[in-house]
Amino acid sequence: MTTSNIVLIVVVAIAAILLIATIAWVARNKRTQHRRVEADKIREDAKEETRQVKQREALADETAAKSRAAQAEADVKTAQASGLQQQAAAHRSEAVTARDELNQEFERADKMDPDTETSDTARENSKTRDNGDNGKPRDTGKQSPPAMPRSR
C-alpha cells in the first residue's frame, strides 16, 4: 500500500467519523428539542388541569359551606322542636292538672246535690261529663283547625 492510499484511507476515515459525529450531534439536538416541546406541552396541560382542580376545590368548598349552613339550620330546627316538645309536655301537664281539678269540682258538686246518685258509676260518669264518651272526644263531623303552639 502506498502512502497516498494510506492518507486517502485516513482522510476518508476522519471524514466518516466527522460525518457520524455530525449526524449524532444533529440527532441529539433534535431529540432534545423534541423533549423540550413535549415538556412544554405537558406543562400547558398541567396548567389547564390546575385550573380545573381549583374549580373543583372551589365547588367542594362551596358545597361544604352549604352543608354546614344546612346542618346549622337543622340544629336550630331540632332545638325548636325540642322546645316545642317541652312546651307541649308542660301544656299537657297543665291540662291534666286542670282536668283533675275540674273533676274534683264535679265530684264536690255531686256530693252537695241531694238529687245526684252517689254510686261509683255516677262518679265515673261525672269524670267524663264533658264529652260523655268515656274520655274519648266526640266526632261532631266538623274538623277543628290545628292548634297553634303558644310562645312564652
N, C-alpha and C. Protein backbone atom coordinates (compact mmCIF):
# COMPACT_ATOMS: atom_id res chain seq x y z
N MET A 1 0.82 -1.16 0.00
CA MET A 1 0.00 0.00 0.00
C MET A 1 0.87 1.23 0.00
N THR A 2 0.43 2.11 -0.73
CA THR A 2 1.22 3.31 -0.90
C THR A 2 0.79 4.33 0.12
N THR A 3 1.63 5.30 0.26
CA THR A 3 1.38 6.36 1.22
C THR A 3 0.13 7.14 0.84
N SER A 4 -0.08 7.36 -0.39
CA SER A 4 -1.26 8.12 -0.80
C SER A 4 -2.53 7.33 -0.49
N ASN A 5 -2.46 6.03 -0.61
CA ASN A 5 -3.62 5.21 -0.27
C ASN A 5 -3.89 5.27 1.23
N ILE A 6 -2.83 5.24 2.01
CA ILE A 6 -2.97 5.32 3.45
C ILE A 6 -3.53 6.67 3.83
N VAL A 7 -3.01 7.72 3.25
CA VAL A 7 -3.51 9.06 3.54
C VAL A 7 -4.97 9.14 3.12
N LEU A 8 -5.29 8.62 1.97
CA LEU A 8 -6.66 8.66 1.49
C LEU A 8 -7.57 7.88 2.44
N ILE A 9 -7.14 6.72 2.93
CA ILE A 9 -7.93 5.93 3.87
C ILE A 9 -8.11 6.70 5.17
N VAL A 10 -7.03 7.35 5.64
CA VAL A 10 -7.12 8.12 6.88
C VAL A 10 -8.07 9.29 6.69
N VAL A 11 -7.99 9.99 5.56
CA VAL A 11 -8.87 11.13 5.30
C VAL A 11 -10.32 10.65 5.21
N VAL A 12 -10.55 9.55 4.53
CA VAL A 12 -11.91 9.03 4.41
C VAL A 12 -12.41 8.59 5.79
N ALA A 13 -11.55 7.97 6.60
CA ALA A 13 -11.95 7.55 7.94
C ALA A 13 -12.29 8.75 8.80
N ILE A 14 -11.44 9.79 8.72
CA ILE A 14 -11.71 11.01 9.50
C ILE A 14 -13.01 11.64 9.01
N ALA A 15 -13.24 11.68 7.71
CA ALA A 15 -14.46 12.26 7.16
C ALA A 15 -15.67 11.44 7.63
N ALA A 16 -15.53 10.12 7.64
CA ALA A 16 -16.63 9.27 8.10
C ALA A 16 -16.92 9.50 9.58
N ILE A 17 -15.83 9.62 10.37
CA ILE A 17 -16.01 9.89 11.81
C ILE A 17 -16.68 11.23 12.00
N LEU A 18 -16.26 12.25 11.26
CA LEU A 18 -16.87 13.58 11.36
C LEU A 18 -18.35 13.53 10.92
N LEU A 19 -18.60 12.77 9.84
CA LEU A 19 -19.98 12.65 9.36
C LEU A 19 -20.84 11.95 10.41
N ILE A 20 -20.35 10.89 10.99
CA ILE A 20 -21.11 10.17 12.04
C ILE A 20 -21.30 11.05 13.26
N ALA A 21 -20.28 11.80 13.68
CA ALA A 21 -20.38 12.70 14.83
C ALA A 21 -21.39 13.79 14.55
N THR A 22 -21.39 14.33 13.32
CA THR A 22 -22.34 15.39 12.95
C THR A 22 -23.77 14.83 12.97
N ILE A 23 -23.94 13.65 12.42
CA ILE A 23 -25.27 13.04 12.42
C ILE A 23 -25.74 12.78 13.85
N ALA A 24 -24.86 12.29 14.70
CA ALA A 24 -25.21 12.04 16.11
C ALA A 24 -25.55 13.35 16.82
N TRP A 25 -24.75 14.39 16.53
CA TRP A 25 -25.00 15.70 17.17
C TRP A 25 -26.36 16.26 16.74
N VAL A 26 -26.67 16.18 15.44
CA VAL A 26 -27.94 16.67 14.93
C VAL A 26 -29.10 15.86 15.53
N ALA A 27 -28.92 14.56 15.59
CA ALA A 27 -29.96 13.71 16.15
C ALA A 27 -30.19 14.03 17.63
N ARG A 28 -29.12 14.24 18.37
CA ARG A 28 -29.24 14.59 19.79
C ARG A 28 -29.94 15.93 19.95
N ASN A 29 -29.60 16.90 19.13
CA ASN A 29 -30.25 18.22 19.19
C ASN A 29 -31.75 18.11 18.87
N LYS A 30 -32.08 17.30 17.86
CA LYS A 30 -33.49 17.13 17.52
C LYS A 30 -34.23 16.45 18.68
N ARG A 31 -33.60 15.42 19.27
CA ARG A 31 -34.23 14.73 20.39
C ARG A 31 -34.42 15.69 21.57
N THR A 32 -33.41 16.52 21.84
CA THR A 32 -33.50 17.49 22.93
C THR A 32 -34.61 18.50 22.64
N GLN A 33 -34.68 18.98 21.40
CA GLN A 33 -35.72 19.94 21.03
C GLN A 33 -37.10 19.29 21.15
N HIS A 34 -37.22 18.04 20.71
CA HIS A 34 -38.50 17.32 20.81
C HIS A 34 -38.90 17.17 22.28
N ARG A 35 -37.95 16.86 23.14
CA ARG A 35 -38.24 16.73 24.57
C ARG A 35 -38.68 18.06 25.16
N ARG A 36 -38.06 19.15 24.72
CA ARG A 36 -38.46 20.48 25.21
C ARG A 36 -39.91 20.78 24.80
N VAL A 37 -40.24 20.45 23.55
CA VAL A 37 -41.60 20.69 23.08
C VAL A 37 -42.58 19.84 23.88
N GLU A 38 -42.26 18.56 24.11
CA GLU A 38 -43.11 17.69 24.89
C GLU A 38 -43.27 18.20 26.32
N ALA A 39 -42.17 18.65 26.91
CA ALA A 39 -42.22 19.18 28.28
C ALA A 39 -43.11 20.42 28.34
N ASP A 40 -43.00 21.30 27.34
CA ASP A 40 -43.86 22.49 27.31
C ASP A 40 -45.33 22.09 27.18
N LYS A 41 -45.61 21.07 26.36
CA LYS A 41 -46.98 20.62 26.19
C LYS A 41 -47.50 20.05 27.51
N ILE A 42 -46.68 19.27 28.20
CA ILE A 42 -47.09 18.71 29.49
C ILE A 42 -47.35 19.82 30.49
N ARG A 43 -46.49 20.85 30.49
CA ARG A 43 -46.70 21.99 31.42
C ARG A 43 -48.02 22.71 31.12
N GLU A 44 -48.32 22.91 29.85
CA GLU A 44 -49.57 23.58 29.48
C GLU A 44 -50.78 22.73 29.91
N ASP A 45 -50.69 21.42 29.69
CA ASP A 45 -51.77 20.54 30.13
C ASP A 45 -51.92 20.58 31.65
N ALA A 46 -50.80 20.61 32.34
CA ALA A 46 -50.84 20.67 33.81
C ALA A 46 -51.45 21.99 34.27
N LYS A 47 -51.14 23.09 33.58
CA LYS A 47 -51.74 24.38 33.94
C LYS A 47 -53.25 24.33 33.76
N GLU A 48 -53.70 23.72 32.67
CA GLU A 48 -55.14 23.59 32.44
C GLU A 48 -55.78 22.71 33.51
N GLU A 49 -55.13 21.62 33.83
CA GLU A 49 -55.63 20.74 34.90
C GLU A 49 -55.65 21.48 36.23
N THR A 50 -54.66 22.34 36.46
CA THR A 50 -54.62 23.12 37.70
C THR A 50 -55.86 24.02 37.80
N ARG A 51 -56.23 24.64 36.70
CA ARG A 51 -57.44 25.48 36.71
C ARG A 51 -58.67 24.63 37.03
N GLN A 52 -58.76 23.47 36.41
CA GLN A 52 -59.92 22.60 36.65
C GLN A 52 -59.94 22.10 38.09
N VAL A 53 -58.76 21.77 38.62
CA VAL A 53 -58.69 21.30 40.01
C VAL A 53 -59.09 22.42 40.96
N LYS A 54 -58.64 23.64 40.67
CA LYS A 54 -59.02 24.78 41.51
C LYS A 54 -60.53 24.99 41.47
N GLN A 55 -61.13 24.82 40.30
CA GLN A 55 -62.58 24.95 40.21
C GLN A 55 -63.28 23.85 41.02
N ARG A 56 -62.76 22.64 40.94
CA ARG A 56 -63.34 21.54 41.73
C ARG A 56 -63.18 21.81 43.22
N GLU A 57 -62.02 22.32 43.61
CA GLU A 57 -61.80 22.64 45.03
C GLU A 57 -62.77 23.73 45.48
N ALA A 58 -62.97 24.74 44.63
CA ALA A 58 -63.90 25.81 44.98
C ALA A 58 -65.31 25.26 45.10
N LEU A 59 -65.69 24.37 44.20
CA LEU A 59 -67.02 23.76 44.27
C LEU A 59 -67.16 22.92 45.53
N ALA A 60 -66.10 22.19 45.87
CA ALA A 60 -66.13 21.39 47.10
C ALA A 60 -66.25 22.28 48.33
N ASP A 61 -65.51 23.40 48.34
CA ASP A 61 -65.60 24.33 49.47
C ASP A 61 -67.00 24.93 49.57
N GLU A 62 -67.57 25.28 48.42
CA GLU A 62 -68.92 25.86 48.41
C GLU A 62 -69.95 24.84 48.92
N THR A 63 -69.81 23.62 48.45
CA THR A 63 -70.74 22.57 48.88
C THR A 63 -70.59 22.31 50.38
N ALA A 64 -69.35 22.31 50.87
CA ALA A 64 -69.13 22.11 52.30
C ALA A 64 -69.76 23.25 53.10
N ALA A 65 -69.65 24.47 52.60
CA ALA A 65 -70.25 25.62 53.29
C ALA A 65 -71.78 25.48 53.31
N LYS A 66 -72.35 25.05 52.18
CA LYS A 66 -73.81 24.85 52.14
C LYS A 66 -74.21 23.74 53.12
N SER A 67 -73.38 22.71 53.19
CA SER A 67 -73.67 21.61 54.11
C SER A 67 -73.64 22.09 55.55
N ARG A 68 -72.65 22.91 55.88
CA ARG A 68 -72.57 23.44 57.25
C ARG A 68 -73.77 24.33 57.56
N ALA A 69 -74.18 25.14 56.57
CA ALA A 69 -75.35 26.00 56.79
C ALA A 69 -76.61 25.16 56.98
N ALA A 70 -76.77 24.13 56.16
CA ALA A 70 -77.94 23.26 56.30
C ALA A 70 -77.91 22.53 57.64
N GLN A 71 -76.73 22.11 58.06
CA GLN A 71 -76.62 21.44 59.36
C GLN A 71 -76.97 22.40 60.49
N ALA A 72 -76.52 23.66 60.35
CA ALA A 72 -76.85 24.66 61.37
C ALA A 72 -78.36 24.88 61.42
N GLU A 73 -78.99 24.95 60.23
CA GLU A 73 -80.45 25.11 60.20
C GLU A 73 -81.14 23.91 60.84
N ALA A 74 -80.63 22.73 60.54
CA ALA A 74 -81.22 21.52 61.12
C ALA A 74 -81.05 21.52 62.64
N ASP A 75 -79.90 21.98 63.11
CA ASP A 75 -79.70 22.06 64.55
C ASP A 75 -80.68 23.04 65.19
N VAL A 76 -80.90 24.17 64.51
CA VAL A 76 -81.85 25.16 65.02
C VAL A 76 -83.25 24.55 65.05
N LYS A 77 -83.63 23.86 63.96
CA LYS A 77 -84.95 23.24 63.91
C LYS A 77 -85.08 22.16 65.00
N THR A 78 -84.01 21.42 65.23
CA THR A 78 -84.04 20.40 66.28
C THR A 78 -84.24 21.05 67.64
N ALA A 79 -83.53 22.15 67.86
CA ALA A 79 -83.69 22.86 69.13
C ALA A 79 -85.11 23.41 69.27
N GLN A 80 -85.64 23.95 68.16
CA GLN A 80 -87.01 24.45 68.21
C GLN A 80 -87.99 23.32 68.48
N ALA A 81 -87.79 22.18 67.83
CA ALA A 81 -88.68 21.04 68.05
C ALA A 81 -88.59 20.57 69.49
N SER A 82 -87.40 20.55 70.03
CA SER A 82 -87.25 20.15 71.42
C SER A 82 -87.98 21.12 72.35
N GLY A 83 -87.84 22.41 72.06
CA GLY A 83 -88.55 23.42 72.86
C GLY A 83 -90.05 23.26 72.76
N LEU A 84 -90.53 22.99 71.54
CA LEU A 84 -91.97 22.79 71.36
C LEU A 84 -92.44 21.53 72.08
N GLN A 85 -91.62 20.49 72.07
CA GLN A 85 -91.99 19.28 72.80
C GLN A 85 -92.08 19.56 74.30
N GLN A 86 -91.16 20.35 74.79
CA GLN A 86 -91.21 20.70 76.21
C GLN A 86 -92.44 21.54 76.51
N GLN A 87 -92.76 22.47 75.61
CA GLN A 87 -93.97 23.28 75.80
C GLN A 87 -95.21 22.38 75.78
N ALA A 88 -95.23 21.43 74.83
CA ALA A 88 -96.38 20.53 74.73
C ALA A 88 -96.51 19.71 76.01
N ALA A 89 -95.39 19.24 76.54
CA ALA A 89 -95.43 18.46 77.78
C ALA A 89 -95.93 19.33 78.92
N ALA A 90 -95.48 20.59 78.96
CA ALA A 90 -95.93 21.50 80.01
C ALA A 90 -97.43 21.76 79.87
N HIS A 91 -97.88 22.00 78.63
CA HIS A 91 -99.32 22.23 78.40
C HIS A 91 -100.13 20.98 78.77
N ARG A 92 -99.60 19.80 78.40
CA ARG A 92 -100.29 18.55 78.73
C ARG A 92 -100.40 18.41 80.24
N SER A 93 -99.32 18.72 80.93
CA SER A 93 -99.33 18.63 82.39
C SER A 93 -100.34 19.60 82.99
N GLU A 94 -100.37 20.81 82.46
CA GLU A 94 -101.33 21.81 82.93
C GLU A 94 -102.76 21.35 82.64
N ALA A 95 -102.96 20.74 81.45
CA ALA A 95 -104.30 20.28 81.09
C ALA A 95 -104.73 19.13 82.00
N VAL A 96 -103.81 18.22 82.31
CA VAL A 96 -104.14 17.12 83.21
C VAL A 96 -104.50 17.65 84.59
N THR A 97 -103.70 18.60 85.06
CA THR A 97 -103.98 19.21 86.37
C THR A 97 -105.34 19.91 86.36
N ALA A 98 -105.61 20.65 85.28
CA ALA A 98 -106.89 21.35 85.18
C ALA A 98 -108.04 20.35 85.10
N ARG A 99 -107.83 19.22 84.37
CA ARG A 99 -108.87 18.20 84.27
C ARG A 99 -109.13 17.59 85.64
N ASP A 100 -108.07 17.32 86.39
CA ASP A 100 -108.25 16.75 87.74
C ASP A 100 -109.00 17.71 88.63
N GLU A 101 -108.66 18.99 88.56
CA GLU A 101 -109.34 19.99 89.38
C GLU A 101 -110.81 20.09 88.97
N LEU A 102 -111.07 20.03 87.67
CA LEU A 102 -112.45 20.10 87.19
C LEU A 102 -113.24 18.89 87.66
N ASN A 103 -112.64 17.71 87.58
CA ASN A 103 -113.33 16.50 88.06
C ASN A 103 -113.61 16.59 89.55
N GLN A 104 -112.67 17.16 90.30
CA GLN A 104 -112.90 17.33 91.74
C GLN A 104 -114.06 18.29 91.98
N GLU A 105 -114.17 19.31 91.17
CA GLU A 105 -115.30 20.25 91.30
C GLU A 105 -116.62 19.54 91.00
N PHE A 106 -116.64 18.69 89.96
CA PHE A 106 -117.86 17.93 89.67
C PHE A 106 -118.21 17.00 90.83
N GLU A 107 -117.20 16.35 91.36
CA GLU A 107 -117.46 15.43 92.48
C GLU A 107 -117.99 16.21 93.68
N ARG A 108 -117.38 17.37 93.95
CA ARG A 108 -117.86 18.18 95.07
C ARG A 108 -119.30 18.61 94.85
N ALA A 109 -119.62 19.01 93.61
CA ALA A 109 -120.99 19.42 93.30
C ALA A 109 -121.94 18.24 93.43
N ASP A 110 -121.48 17.04 92.99
CA ASP A 110 -122.33 15.87 93.10
C ASP A 110 -122.59 15.50 94.56
N LYS A 111 -121.57 15.66 95.40
CA LYS A 111 -121.74 15.36 96.82
C LYS A 111 -122.69 16.35 97.48
N MET A 112 -122.67 17.59 97.03
CA MET A 112 -123.53 18.61 97.64
C MET A 112 -124.98 18.50 97.17
N ASP A 113 -125.20 18.00 95.96
CA ASP A 113 -126.54 17.93 95.38
C ASP A 113 -127.25 16.70 95.93
N PRO A 114 -128.38 16.89 96.61
CA PRO A 114 -129.08 15.74 97.17
C PRO A 114 -129.74 14.87 96.10
N ASP A 115 -129.97 15.41 94.89
CA ASP A 115 -130.64 14.64 93.84
C ASP A 115 -129.67 13.79 93.03
N THR A 116 -128.40 13.89 93.24
CA THR A 116 -127.40 13.17 92.45
C THR A 116 -127.16 11.81 93.04
N GLU A 117 -126.99 10.82 92.16
CA GLU A 117 -126.66 9.48 92.61
C GLU A 117 -125.25 9.51 93.18
N THR A 118 -124.98 8.72 94.15
CA THR A 118 -123.66 8.72 94.77
C THR A 118 -122.92 7.41 94.53
N SER A 119 -123.40 6.64 93.58
CA SER A 119 -122.72 5.37 93.30
C SER A 119 -121.42 5.63 92.53
N ASP A 120 -120.60 4.61 92.46
CA ASP A 120 -119.33 4.74 91.74
C ASP A 120 -119.56 5.00 90.26
N THR A 121 -120.61 4.42 89.68
CA THR A 121 -120.92 4.62 88.28
C THR A 121 -121.23 6.08 88.01
N ALA A 122 -121.97 6.69 88.89
CA ALA A 122 -122.30 8.09 88.72
C ALA A 122 -121.06 8.95 88.80
N ARG A 123 -120.16 8.59 89.69
CA ARG A 123 -118.92 9.37 89.80
C ARG A 123 -118.07 9.20 88.54
N GLU A 124 -118.01 8.00 88.01
CA GLU A 124 -117.25 7.77 86.77
C GLU A 124 -117.85 8.61 85.65
N ASN A 125 -119.17 8.67 85.59
CA ASN A 125 -119.82 9.47 84.56
C ASN A 125 -119.52 10.94 84.76
N SER A 126 -119.37 11.36 86.00
CA SER A 126 -119.10 12.78 86.23
C SER A 126 -117.68 13.13 85.79
N LYS A 127 -116.78 12.14 85.78
CA LYS A 127 -115.42 12.43 85.34
C LYS A 127 -115.36 12.65 83.84
N THR A 128 -116.26 12.06 83.12
CA THR A 128 -116.27 12.20 81.67
C THR A 128 -117.48 13.00 81.21
N ARG A 129 -118.00 13.83 82.07
CA ARG A 129 -119.22 14.57 81.81
C ARG A 129 -119.09 15.50 80.60
N ASP A 130 -117.88 15.98 80.33
CA ASP A 130 -117.72 16.97 79.26
C ASP A 130 -117.95 16.37 77.88
N ASN A 131 -117.64 15.06 77.67
CA ASN A 131 -117.85 14.53 76.34
C ASN A 131 -118.73 13.30 76.31
N GLY A 132 -119.01 12.68 77.44
CA GLY A 132 -119.95 11.59 77.51
C GLY A 132 -119.51 10.34 76.78
N ASP A 133 -118.25 10.17 76.48
CA ASP A 133 -117.81 9.01 75.70
C ASP A 133 -116.62 8.35 76.37
N ASN A 134 -116.66 8.24 77.69
CA ASN A 134 -115.61 7.59 78.46
C ASN A 134 -114.22 8.12 78.13
N GLY A 135 -114.11 9.40 78.04
CA GLY A 135 -112.81 10.03 77.84
C GLY A 135 -112.42 10.20 76.39
N LYS A 136 -113.22 9.67 75.45
CA LYS A 136 -112.89 9.81 74.04
C LYS A 136 -113.59 11.05 73.49
N PRO A 137 -112.94 11.82 72.63
CA PRO A 137 -113.59 13.01 72.08
C PRO A 137 -114.73 12.65 71.16
N ARG A 138 -115.72 13.49 71.14
CA ARG A 138 -116.88 13.27 70.28
C ARG A 138 -116.52 13.60 68.84
N ASP A 139 -117.14 12.85 67.91
CA ASP A 139 -116.98 13.14 66.50
C ASP A 139 -118.21 13.91 66.05
N THR A 140 -118.09 15.22 65.89
CA THR A 140 -119.23 16.06 65.54
C THR A 140 -119.35 16.24 64.04
N GLY A 141 -118.42 15.64 63.28
CA GLY A 141 -118.48 15.80 61.84
C GLY A 141 -117.75 17.04 61.37
N LYS A 142 -117.39 17.90 62.28
CA LYS A 142 -116.65 19.11 61.92
C LYS A 142 -115.19 18.91 62.30
N GLN A 143 -114.36 19.42 61.45
CA GLN A 143 -112.93 19.29 61.73
C GLN A 143 -112.44 20.63 62.27
N SER A 144 -111.83 20.58 63.43
CA SER A 144 -111.35 21.82 64.02
C SER A 144 -109.96 22.12 63.46
N PRO A 145 -109.60 23.40 63.41
CA PRO A 145 -108.28 23.75 62.90
C PRO A 145 -107.20 23.25 63.86
N PRO A 146 -105.99 23.00 63.35
CA PRO A 146 -104.92 22.52 64.22
C PRO A 146 -104.56 23.58 65.24
N ALA A 147 -104.21 23.12 66.43
CA ALA A 147 -103.83 24.05 67.49
C ALA A 147 -102.48 24.64 67.17
N MET A 148 -102.33 25.93 67.37
CA MET A 148 -101.07 26.62 67.14
C MET A 148 -100.30 26.68 68.45
N PRO A 149 -99.00 26.42 68.42
CA PRO A 149 -98.24 26.50 69.68
C PRO A 149 -98.14 27.94 70.16
N ARG A 150 -98.23 28.09 71.46
CA ARG A 150 -98.12 29.41 72.04
C ARG A 150 -96.70 29.66 72.44
N SER A 151 -96.21 30.85 72.18
CA SER A 151 -94.86 31.20 72.64
C SER A 151 -94.95 31.80 74.01
N ARG A 152 -93.97 31.55 74.81
CA ARG A 152 -93.99 32.05 76.20
C ARG A 152 -93.11 33.25 76.33
